[in-house]
């Protein structure tokens, strides 16, 4: 869960949580936001539930892509550790 703030309307927001090592997605969320502030709640995938069931903490990378109307997509990557 996280908070997103944009200048003006955020537009299309895609958040992907991938393991640092290996393939697949742990969680994802794709929404269209018409306001400047929104809350993102990532939904775990089947592979993500399996990974989290076997490990206590999991190094991962969160990628958030924001496409505002009339602008180029902006992408931000953040390394983090997912705890269960």
N, C-alpha and C. Protein backbone atom coordinates (compact mmCIF):
# COMPACT_ATOMS: atom_id res chain seq x y z
N UNK A 1 0.85 -1.16 0.00
CA UNK A 1 0.00 0.00 0.00
C UNK A 1 0.89 1.23 0.00
N UNK A 2 0.53 2.20 -0.80
CA UNK A 2 1.35 3.41 -0.88
C UNK A 2 0.53 4.58 -1.36
N UNK A 3 1.08 5.77 -1.21
CA UNK A 3 0.40 7.01 -1.58
C UNK A 3 1.13 7.62 -2.77
N UNK A 4 0.38 8.09 -3.75
CA UNK A 4 0.92 8.69 -4.96
C UNK A 4 0.38 10.10 -5.10
N UNK A 5 1.27 11.07 -5.34
CA UNK A 5 0.87 12.46 -5.53
C UNK A 5 1.45 12.98 -6.84
N UNK A 6 0.61 13.61 -7.66
CA UNK A 6 1.03 14.16 -8.95
C UNK A 6 0.66 15.64 -9.02
N UNK A 7 1.30 16.35 -9.95
CA UNK A 7 0.88 17.71 -10.25
C UNK A 7 -0.24 17.60 -11.27
N UNK A 8 -1.43 17.98 -10.92
CA UNK A 8 -2.58 17.80 -11.80
C UNK A 8 -3.09 16.37 -11.72
N UNK A 9 -3.85 15.95 -12.71
CA UNK A 9 -4.39 14.58 -12.73
C UNK A 9 -3.27 13.59 -13.02
N UNK A 10 -3.24 12.47 -12.29
CA UNK A 10 -2.19 11.47 -12.47
C UNK A 10 -2.33 10.72 -13.79
N UNK A 11 -3.55 10.44 -14.21
CA UNK A 11 -3.75 9.68 -15.44
C UNK A 11 -3.62 8.18 -15.20
N UNK A 12 -2.91 7.49 -16.08
CA UNK A 12 -2.76 6.04 -15.97
C UNK A 12 -1.55 5.73 -15.09
N UNK A 13 -1.76 4.88 -14.08
CA UNK A 13 -0.71 4.51 -13.15
C UNK A 13 -0.58 2.98 -13.15
N UNK A 14 0.65 2.49 -13.36
CA UNK A 14 0.92 1.06 -13.33
C UNK A 14 2.04 0.83 -12.32
N UNK A 15 1.79 -0.04 -11.33
CA UNK A 15 2.79 -0.38 -10.31
C UNK A 15 3.07 -1.88 -10.39
N UNK A 16 4.34 -2.24 -10.53
CA UNK A 16 4.75 -3.64 -10.62
C UNK A 16 5.80 -3.93 -9.55
N UNK A 17 5.64 -5.03 -8.83
CA UNK A 17 6.60 -5.45 -7.82
C UNK A 17 7.22 -6.76 -8.29
N UNK A 18 8.52 -6.72 -8.61
CA UNK A 18 9.22 -7.88 -9.14
C UNK A 18 10.30 -8.32 -8.15
N UNK A 19 10.59 -9.64 -8.11
CA UNK A 19 11.70 -10.09 -7.26
C UNK A 19 13.02 -9.58 -7.82
N UNK A 20 13.97 -9.28 -6.94
CA UNK A 20 15.27 -8.77 -7.38
C UNK A 20 16.01 -9.83 -8.18
N UNK A 21 15.90 -11.08 -7.77
CA UNK A 21 16.52 -12.19 -8.47
C UNK A 21 15.42 -13.14 -8.91
N UNK A 22 15.44 -13.56 -10.16
CA UNK A 22 14.42 -14.48 -10.65
C UNK A 22 13.41 -13.79 -11.54
N UNK A 23 12.41 -14.55 -11.92
CA UNK A 23 11.40 -14.05 -12.86
C UNK A 23 10.04 -13.96 -12.20
N UNK A 24 9.12 -13.31 -12.90
CA UNK A 24 7.74 -13.24 -12.44
C UNK A 24 7.42 -11.95 -11.72
N UNK A 25 6.18 -11.81 -11.37
CA UNK A 25 5.68 -10.66 -10.62
C UNK A 25 5.25 -11.11 -9.23
N UNK A 26 5.51 -10.29 -8.24
CA UNK A 26 5.02 -10.57 -6.89
C UNK A 26 3.63 -9.96 -6.73
N UNK A 27 3.48 -8.72 -7.20
CA UNK A 27 2.19 -8.02 -7.09
C UNK A 27 2.12 -6.95 -8.17
N UNK A 28 0.88 -6.50 -8.47
CA UNK A 28 0.70 -5.47 -9.50
C UNK A 28 -0.58 -4.68 -9.22
N UNK A 29 -0.64 -3.52 -9.85
CA UNK A 29 -1.84 -2.67 -9.79
C UNK A 29 -1.80 -1.75 -10.99
N UNK A 30 -2.90 -1.60 -11.68
CA UNK A 30 -3.03 -0.67 -12.80
C UNK A 30 -4.35 0.07 -12.64
N UNK A 31 -4.28 1.38 -12.53
CA UNK A 31 -5.49 2.19 -12.32
C UNK A 31 -5.40 3.46 -13.17
N UNK A 32 -6.56 4.05 -13.42
CA UNK A 32 -6.63 5.37 -14.04
C UNK A 32 -7.14 6.33 -12.97
N UNK A 33 -6.34 7.35 -12.68
CA UNK A 33 -6.64 8.28 -11.60
C UNK A 33 -6.95 9.65 -12.19
N UNK A 34 -8.08 10.23 -11.80
CA UNK A 34 -8.45 11.55 -12.31
C UNK A 34 -8.13 12.66 -11.32
N UNK A 35 -7.61 12.31 -10.15
CA UNK A 35 -7.26 13.32 -9.16
C UNK A 35 -5.73 13.40 -9.02
N UNK A 36 -5.25 14.34 -8.20
CA UNK A 36 -3.82 14.53 -8.01
C UNK A 36 -3.24 13.59 -6.95
N UNK A 37 -4.09 13.03 -6.10
CA UNK A 37 -3.62 12.12 -5.04
C UNK A 37 -4.39 10.81 -5.13
N UNK A 38 -3.68 9.71 -4.90
CA UNK A 38 -4.35 8.42 -4.90
C UNK A 38 -3.59 7.45 -4.01
N UNK A 39 -4.25 6.40 -3.61
CA UNK A 39 -3.65 5.34 -2.82
C UNK A 39 -3.57 4.09 -3.67
N UNK A 40 -2.38 3.50 -3.74
CA UNK A 40 -2.19 2.27 -4.50
C UNK A 40 -2.13 1.09 -3.55
N UNK A 41 -2.91 0.08 -3.84
CA UNK A 41 -2.89 -1.17 -3.09
C UNK A 41 -2.56 -2.27 -4.08
N UNK A 42 -1.37 -2.85 -3.95
CA UNK A 42 -0.93 -3.88 -4.88
C UNK A 42 -1.61 -5.20 -4.56
N UNK A 43 -2.03 -5.90 -5.60
CA UNK A 43 -2.67 -7.20 -5.45
C UNK A 43 -1.65 -8.28 -5.76
N UNK A 44 -1.42 -9.23 -4.83
CA UNK A 44 -0.42 -10.27 -5.09
C UNK A 44 -0.87 -11.24 -6.19
N UNK A 45 0.09 -11.68 -6.98
CA UNK A 45 -0.17 -12.68 -8.01
C UNK A 45 -0.02 -14.07 -7.41
N UNK A 46 -0.35 -15.08 -8.19
CA UNK A 46 -0.22 -16.46 -7.70
C UNK A 46 1.24 -16.78 -7.39
N UNK A 47 2.14 -16.36 -8.27
CA UNK A 47 3.58 -16.56 -8.05
C UNK A 47 4.04 -15.80 -6.81
N UNK A 48 3.53 -14.60 -6.60
CA UNK A 48 3.88 -13.81 -5.43
C UNK A 48 3.45 -14.46 -4.13
N UNK A 49 2.25 -15.02 -4.12
CA UNK A 49 1.78 -15.71 -2.91
C UNK A 49 2.66 -16.91 -2.61
N UNK A 50 3.09 -17.63 -3.65
CA UNK A 50 3.96 -18.79 -3.46
C UNK A 50 5.32 -18.36 -2.91
N UNK A 51 5.91 -17.29 -3.49
CA UNK A 51 7.21 -16.81 -3.02
C UNK A 51 7.14 -16.34 -1.56
N UNK A 52 6.10 -15.61 -1.23
CA UNK A 52 5.98 -15.10 0.14
C UNK A 52 5.67 -16.20 1.14
N UNK A 53 5.05 -17.29 0.70
CA UNK A 53 4.76 -18.40 1.60
C UNK A 53 6.04 -19.14 1.98
N UNK A 54 7.04 -19.13 1.10
CA UNK A 54 8.26 -19.89 1.34
C UNK A 54 9.38 -19.06 1.97
N UNK A 55 9.30 -17.73 1.87
CA UNK A 55 10.37 -16.88 2.39
C UNK A 55 9.82 -15.86 3.37
N UNK A 56 10.60 -15.55 4.38
CA UNK A 56 10.18 -14.56 5.37
C UNK A 56 10.34 -13.14 4.83
N UNK A 57 11.45 -12.88 4.15
CA UNK A 57 11.63 -11.59 3.50
C UNK A 57 12.14 -11.84 2.09
N UNK A 58 11.80 -10.94 1.20
CA UNK A 58 12.09 -11.13 -0.21
C UNK A 58 12.58 -9.80 -0.79
N UNK A 59 13.85 -9.75 -1.28
CA UNK A 59 14.29 -8.51 -1.93
C UNK A 59 13.55 -8.31 -3.24
N UNK A 60 13.09 -7.10 -3.47
CA UNK A 60 12.26 -6.84 -4.65
C UNK A 60 12.52 -5.42 -5.17
N UNK A 61 11.98 -5.16 -6.37
CA UNK A 61 12.05 -3.85 -6.99
C UNK A 61 10.65 -3.40 -7.34
N UNK A 62 10.28 -2.22 -6.87
CA UNK A 62 8.98 -1.63 -7.19
C UNK A 62 9.16 -0.65 -8.33
N UNK A 63 8.41 -0.84 -9.42
CA UNK A 63 8.44 0.06 -10.57
C UNK A 63 7.08 0.71 -10.70
N UNK A 64 7.05 2.04 -10.68
CA UNK A 64 5.80 2.79 -10.84
C UNK A 64 5.93 3.64 -12.10
N UNK A 65 4.98 3.47 -13.03
CA UNK A 65 4.94 4.24 -14.26
C UNK A 65 3.67 5.09 -14.26
N UNK A 66 3.85 6.40 -14.43
CA UNK A 66 2.72 7.34 -14.44
C UNK A 66 2.67 8.00 -15.81
N UNK A 67 1.51 7.91 -16.48
CA UNK A 67 1.32 8.55 -17.78
C UNK A 67 0.23 9.61 -17.62
N UNK A 68 0.66 10.87 -17.53
CA UNK A 68 -0.28 11.97 -17.42
C UNK A 68 -0.76 12.36 -18.82
N UNK A 69 -1.98 12.87 -18.92
CA UNK A 69 -2.49 13.29 -20.23
C UNK A 69 -1.60 14.37 -20.85
N UNK A 70 -1.15 14.13 -22.08
CA UNK A 70 -0.33 15.09 -22.79
C UNK A 70 1.14 15.07 -22.42
N UNK A 71 1.59 14.10 -21.59
CA UNK A 71 2.99 14.02 -21.17
C UNK A 71 3.56 12.64 -21.51
N UNK A 72 4.87 12.55 -21.49
CA UNK A 72 5.53 11.27 -21.68
C UNK A 72 5.43 10.46 -20.39
N UNK A 73 5.46 9.12 -20.47
CA UNK A 73 5.42 8.32 -19.25
C UNK A 73 6.64 8.57 -18.37
N UNK A 74 6.40 8.67 -17.07
CA UNK A 74 7.47 8.84 -16.08
C UNK A 74 7.59 7.54 -15.29
N UNK A 75 8.81 7.04 -15.18
CA UNK A 75 9.03 5.75 -14.50
C UNK A 75 10.00 5.94 -13.35
N UNK A 76 9.70 5.30 -12.22
CA UNK A 76 10.54 5.36 -11.03
C UNK A 76 10.71 3.95 -10.49
N UNK A 77 11.95 3.55 -10.19
CA UNK A 77 12.22 2.23 -9.61
C UNK A 77 12.82 2.41 -8.22
N UNK A 78 12.34 1.58 -7.28
CA UNK A 78 12.80 1.65 -5.91
C UNK A 78 13.09 0.24 -5.41
N UNK A 79 14.29 -0.04 -4.93
CA UNK A 79 14.57 -1.35 -4.32
C UNK A 79 14.00 -1.39 -2.90
N UNK A 80 13.45 -2.53 -2.52
CA UNK A 80 12.91 -2.69 -1.18
C UNK A 80 12.86 -4.17 -0.81
N UNK A 81 12.55 -4.45 0.43
CA UNK A 81 12.41 -5.82 0.91
C UNK A 81 10.95 -6.03 1.33
N UNK A 82 10.35 -7.08 0.82
CA UNK A 82 8.96 -7.41 1.14
C UNK A 82 8.96 -8.36 2.32
N UNK A 83 8.24 -8.00 3.36
CA UNK A 83 8.13 -8.85 4.56
C UNK A 83 6.73 -9.43 4.63
N UNK A 84 6.64 -10.64 5.13
CA UNK A 84 5.30 -11.21 5.29
C UNK A 84 4.85 -11.13 6.70
